[in-house]
């Protein structure tokens, strides 16, 4: 799959609050004592083996609420608190096969201020909107606007930025059992970014008290990703 036009919005949280949301076998993965929660909208394209995009259902907007965890084998990974998607079939498929908490939503991505065809120049703007349709809580929504800043040279990516973006497995619960799936992707080509507007219900709908701290914001034009089959732990 390809994750494109992605904005990371992260806040620090109390690890004890996040721990209450996790299944047995997972623990919060902290950085300097904080557990981070991400609100992450992007454009998703899903392909078949060989690279062919799945017809009709293969491209859609997505927004996830996620946090970072340590699994029972001591390996770090991602725990998705919720995932919104604008196509119903991928929503139902991911719920059934990976146990991921996907929700069907009305979504859009608006691109403005681009000075190049790909729109990744500093100063370009992205506005992501989402309103949940199924299952509930119906109507949970988010609007995120961010301005793209300067690219971050790979040698200047901080340990915290690496902690938040370099994740090579996801965890979920499938039929009552904890599972993991391996993730493969190149390092994200990160840009600095500025949050221009945020009106969000998704973090609260996931059972997390919204943070009053200033968020840490990044943008990336995206990369290709491979996710392996879920394996029982």
Protein backbone atom coordinates (compact mmCIF):
# COMPACT_ATOMS: atom_id res chain seq x y z
CA UNK A 1 0.00 0.00 0.00
CA UNK A 2 0.97 3.67 -0.28
CA UNK A 3 0.41 6.26 2.42
CA UNK A 4 0.55 9.75 0.88
CA UNK A 5 0.03 13.36 2.00
CA UNK A 6 0.29 12.41 5.65
CA UNK A 7 0.28 14.77 8.63
CA UNK A 8 1.39 13.60 12.10
CA UNK A 9 -0.18 15.48 15.03
CA UNK A 10 1.11 14.18 18.39
CA UNK A 11 0.53 14.99 22.06
CA UNK A 12 2.18 13.66 25.25
CA UNK A 13 -0.11 11.79 27.66
CA UNK A 14 0.01 10.16 31.07
CA UNK A 15 1.07 6.51 30.57
CA UNK A 16 -1.40 5.36 33.25
CA UNK A 17 -4.32 6.77 31.24
CA UNK A 18 -3.17 5.01 28.07
CA UNK A 19 -2.45 1.74 29.88
CA UNK A 20 -6.14 1.46 30.81
CA UNK A 21 -7.03 1.31 27.10
CA UNK A 22 -4.63 -1.50 26.23
CA UNK A 23 -5.35 -5.25 26.21
CA UNK A 24 -3.42 -7.68 28.39
CA UNK A 25 0.07 -8.23 27.00
CA UNK A 26 0.69 -4.63 25.87
CA UNK A 27 2.30 -1.80 27.83
CA UNK A 28 2.73 1.89 26.94
CA UNK A 29 6.01 2.68 25.17
CA UNK A 30 7.11 5.94 26.75
CA UNK A 31 9.64 8.60 25.76
CA UNK A 32 11.03 10.70 28.61
CA UNK A 33 8.17 9.48 30.79
CA UNK A 34 5.34 10.39 28.40
CA UNK A 35 3.17 8.17 26.25
CA UNK A 36 2.39 9.85 22.93
CA UNK A 37 -0.94 9.82 21.09
CA UNK A 38 -1.10 10.59 17.38
CA UNK A 39 -3.93 11.94 15.22
CA UNK A 40 -2.82 11.09 11.69
CA UNK A 41 -4.76 11.81 8.46
CA UNK A 42 -3.54 10.76 5.01
CA UNK A 43 -4.41 9.41 1.57
CA UNK A 44 -4.32 5.60 1.28
CA UNK A 45 -3.83 3.49 -1.84
CA UNK A 46 -4.03 -0.31 -1.60
CA UNK A 47 -2.51 -2.55 -4.26
CA UNK A 48 -2.51 -6.20 -5.17
CA UNK A 49 0.71 -8.24 -5.42
CA UNK A 50 2.60 -6.80 -8.37
CA UNK A 51 1.50 -3.24 -7.66
CA UNK A 52 -1.93 -3.09 -9.33
CA UNK A 53 -4.29 -0.78 -7.43
CA UNK A 54 -7.48 -2.53 -6.28
CA UNK A 55 -10.29 -1.26 -8.55
CA UNK A 56 -12.99 1.02 -7.05
CA UNK A 57 -12.06 0.39 -3.42
CA UNK A 58 -8.28 0.81 -3.60
CA UNK A 59 -7.94 4.52 -2.89
CA UNK A 60 -9.48 6.39 0.03
CA UNK A 61 -8.83 8.90 2.78
CA UNK A 62 -7.96 7.63 6.25
CA UNK A 63 -7.41 9.12 9.70
CA UNK A 64 -6.16 7.12 12.65
CA UNK A 65 -5.77 7.72 16.36
CA UNK A 66 -2.81 5.70 17.58
CA UNK A 67 -0.38 5.25 20.42
CA UNK A 68 2.89 3.38 20.92
CA UNK A 69 3.31 0.18 22.87
CA UNK A 70 5.63 -2.64 23.86
CA UNK A 71 4.41 -6.14 23.08
CA UNK A 72 4.74 -9.33 25.14
CA UNK A 73 7.93 -10.20 23.25
CA UNK A 74 9.49 -6.86 24.21
CA UNK A 75 9.20 -5.44 20.70
CA UNK A 76 7.86 -1.92 20.11
CA UNK A 77 4.85 -1.33 17.90
CA UNK A 78 1.68 0.63 17.21
CA UNK A 79 -1.72 0.27 18.84
CA UNK A 80 -4.55 1.80 16.82
CA UNK A 81 -7.28 3.25 19.02
CA UNK A 82 -9.45 3.98 15.97
CA UNK A 83 -9.13 4.24 12.19
CA UNK A 84 -11.53 6.17 9.94
CA UNK A 85 -11.76 5.23 6.23
CA UNK A 86 -13.90 6.67 3.46
CA UNK A 87 -14.65 3.31 1.77
CA UNK A 88 -16.94 0.74 3.38
CA UNK A 89 -15.40 -2.45 1.92
CA UNK A 90 -11.86 -1.81 3.26
CA UNK A 91 -13.42 -0.86 6.61
CA UNK A 92 -15.26 -4.17 6.92
CA UNK A 93 -12.33 -6.19 5.54
CA UNK A 94 -9.77 -4.77 7.99
CA UNK A 95 -12.15 -5.35 10.91
CA UNK A 96 -12.69 -8.98 9.89
CA UNK A 97 -9.11 -9.95 9.01
CA UNK A 98 -6.89 -7.91 11.33
CA UNK A 99 -9.28 -7.03 14.15
CA UNK A 100 -8.51 -3.34 13.62
CA UNK A 101 -11.11 -0.84 14.90
CA UNK A 102 -11.97 0.70 11.52
CA UNK A 103 -14.92 3.08 11.09
CA UNK A 104 -16.63 4.13 7.86
CA UNK A 105 -16.65 7.91 7.47
CA UNK A 106 -17.31 10.76 5.05
CA UNK A 107 -13.85 12.20 4.41
CA UNK A 108 -11.99 14.65 2.20
CA UNK A 109 -8.49 16.04 1.65
CA UNK A 110 -8.10 19.57 0.27
CA UNK A 111 -4.76 20.73 -1.14
CA UNK A 112 -3.94 24.40 -1.57
CA UNK A 113 -1.01 26.75 -1.92
CA UNK A 114 1.09 24.28 -3.90
CA UNK A 115 3.87 25.82 -5.96
CA UNK A 116 4.88 22.54 -7.65
CA UNK A 117 2.80 19.78 -9.26
CA UNK A 118 3.26 17.45 -6.28
CA UNK A 119 2.37 20.18 -3.78
CA UNK A 120 5.10 19.25 -1.31
CA UNK A 121 6.81 22.62 -1.29
CA UNK A 122 7.01 24.52 2.00
CA UNK A 123 3.97 26.76 2.32
CA UNK A 124 1.52 24.32 0.74
CA UNK A 125 -1.48 23.51 2.90
CA UNK A 126 -3.51 20.37 3.62
CA UNK A 127 -6.99 20.29 5.13
CA UNK A 128 -8.42 16.94 6.19
CA UNK A 129 -12.04 16.43 7.24
CA UNK A 130 -13.83 13.34 8.53
CA UNK A 131 -17.27 12.57 9.94
CA UNK A 132 -18.02 9.03 11.16
CA UNK A 133 -20.89 7.05 9.58
CA UNK A 134 -20.59 3.51 10.99
CA UNK A 135 -20.31 2.06 13.60
CA UNK A 136 -20.79 4.54 16.45
CA UNK A 137 -20.34 6.92 18.00
CA UNK A 138 -21.88 8.22 14.77
CA UNK A 139 -20.92 11.81 14.01
CA UNK A 140 -17.49 11.78 15.66
CA UNK A 141 -15.51 14.15 13.48
CA UNK A 142 -12.26 15.96 12.87
CA UNK A 143 -11.03 18.90 10.81
CA UNK A 144 -7.27 19.35 10.57
CA UNK A 145 -5.45 22.06 8.60
CA UNK A 146 -1.66 22.15 8.44
CA UNK A 147 0.95 24.09 6.49
CA UNK A 148 3.99 22.19 5.19
CA UNK A 149 7.34 23.45 6.41
CA UNK A 150 10.94 22.76 5.47
CA UNK A 151 12.17 19.18 4.97
CA UNK A 152 14.12 17.64 7.84
CA UNK A 153 17.44 16.12 6.72
CA UNK A 154 17.60 12.45 7.80
CA UNK A 155 20.66 13.14 9.96
CA UNK A 156 18.66 15.77 11.89
CA UNK A 157 15.66 13.58 12.79
CA UNK A 158 15.54 13.63 16.58
CA UNK A 159 15.23 10.55 18.82
CA UNK A 160 11.64 11.58 19.64
CA UNK A 161 10.74 11.96 15.95
CA UNK A 162 12.22 8.52 15.31
CA UNK A 163 10.24 7.10 18.26
CA UNK A 164 6.98 8.44 16.81
CA UNK A 165 7.45 7.44 13.18
CA UNK A 166 9.77 4.39 12.96
CA UNK A 167 7.39 1.53 13.78
CA UNK A 168 7.75 -1.93 12.31
CA UNK A 169 4.76 -3.83 13.73
CA UNK A 170 1.16 -3.29 14.72
CA UNK A 171 -0.82 -5.01 17.43
CA UNK A 172 -4.56 -5.73 17.53
CA UNK A 173 -7.07 -8.11 19.06
CA UNK A 174 -8.69 -10.64 16.72
CA UNK A 175 -11.41 -12.94 18.08
CA UNK A 176 -10.27 -12.24 21.61
CA UNK A 177 -6.61 -13.00 20.95
CA UNK A 178 -3.69 -10.59 20.76
CA UNK A 179 -2.08 -10.57 17.31
CA UNK A 180 0.79 -8.74 15.62
CA UNK A 181 1.59 -7.94 12.01
CA UNK A 182 4.99 -6.87 10.70
CA UNK A 183 5.33 -3.56 8.85
CA UNK A 184 7.97 -2.73 6.23
CA UNK A 185 8.65 0.76 4.89
CA UNK A 186 11.47 3.17 4.20
CA UNK A 187 12.07 5.98 6.72
CA UNK A 188 9.48 8.72 6.33
CA UNK A 189 10.79 11.80 4.47
CA UNK A 190 9.70 14.22 7.19
CA UNK A 191 8.92 17.92 6.94
CA UNK A 192 8.30 20.32 9.72
CA UNK A 193 4.69 21.53 9.76
CA UNK A 194 2.44 24.05 11.46
CA UNK A 195 -1.05 23.24 12.72
CA UNK A 196 -3.35 26.00 11.48
CA UNK A 197 -6.69 24.64 12.69
CA UNK A 198 -7.93 21.66 14.68
CA UNK A 199 -11.50 20.74 15.63
CA UNK A 200 -11.41 17.12 16.77
CA UNK A 201 -13.72 14.58 18.41
CA UNK A 202 -11.84 11.41 17.41
CA UNK A 203 -9.32 11.40 20.25
CA UNK A 204 -12.11 11.74 22.84
CA UNK A 205 -14.23 9.14 21.02
CA UNK A 206 -11.30 6.71 21.42
CA UNK A 207 -11.53 7.13 25.20
CA UNK A 208 -8.58 9.52 25.57
CA UNK A 209 -8.84 12.86 27.36
CA UNK A 210 -7.70 15.51 24.83
CA UNK A 211 -4.38 17.06 25.80
CA UNK A 212 -4.00 20.76 26.52
CA UNK A 213 -0.31 20.66 25.50
CA UNK A 214 0.87 22.14 22.21
CA UNK A 215 1.05 19.36 19.61
CA UNK A 216 4.14 18.22 17.77
CA UNK A 217 3.36 18.41 14.04
CA UNK A 218 5.09 16.86 11.00
CA UNK A 219 4.22 16.29 7.36
CA UNK A 220 5.44 13.68 4.89
CA UNK A 221 4.67 13.23 1.18
CA UNK A 222 4.50 9.52 2.01
CA UNK A 223 6.05 6.18 1.24
CA UNK A 224 5.12 2.64 0.20
CA UNK A 225 4.29 0.16 2.95
CA UNK A 226 3.93 -3.61 3.23
CA UNK A 227 1.95 -5.14 6.10
CA UNK A 228 2.29 -8.83 6.81
CA UNK A 229 -0.39 -11.28 7.86
CA UNK A 230 -1.60 -11.13 11.47
CA UNK A 231 0.08 -13.70 13.73
CA UNK A 232 -1.30 -14.92 17.06
CA UNK A 233 0.75 -14.06 20.15
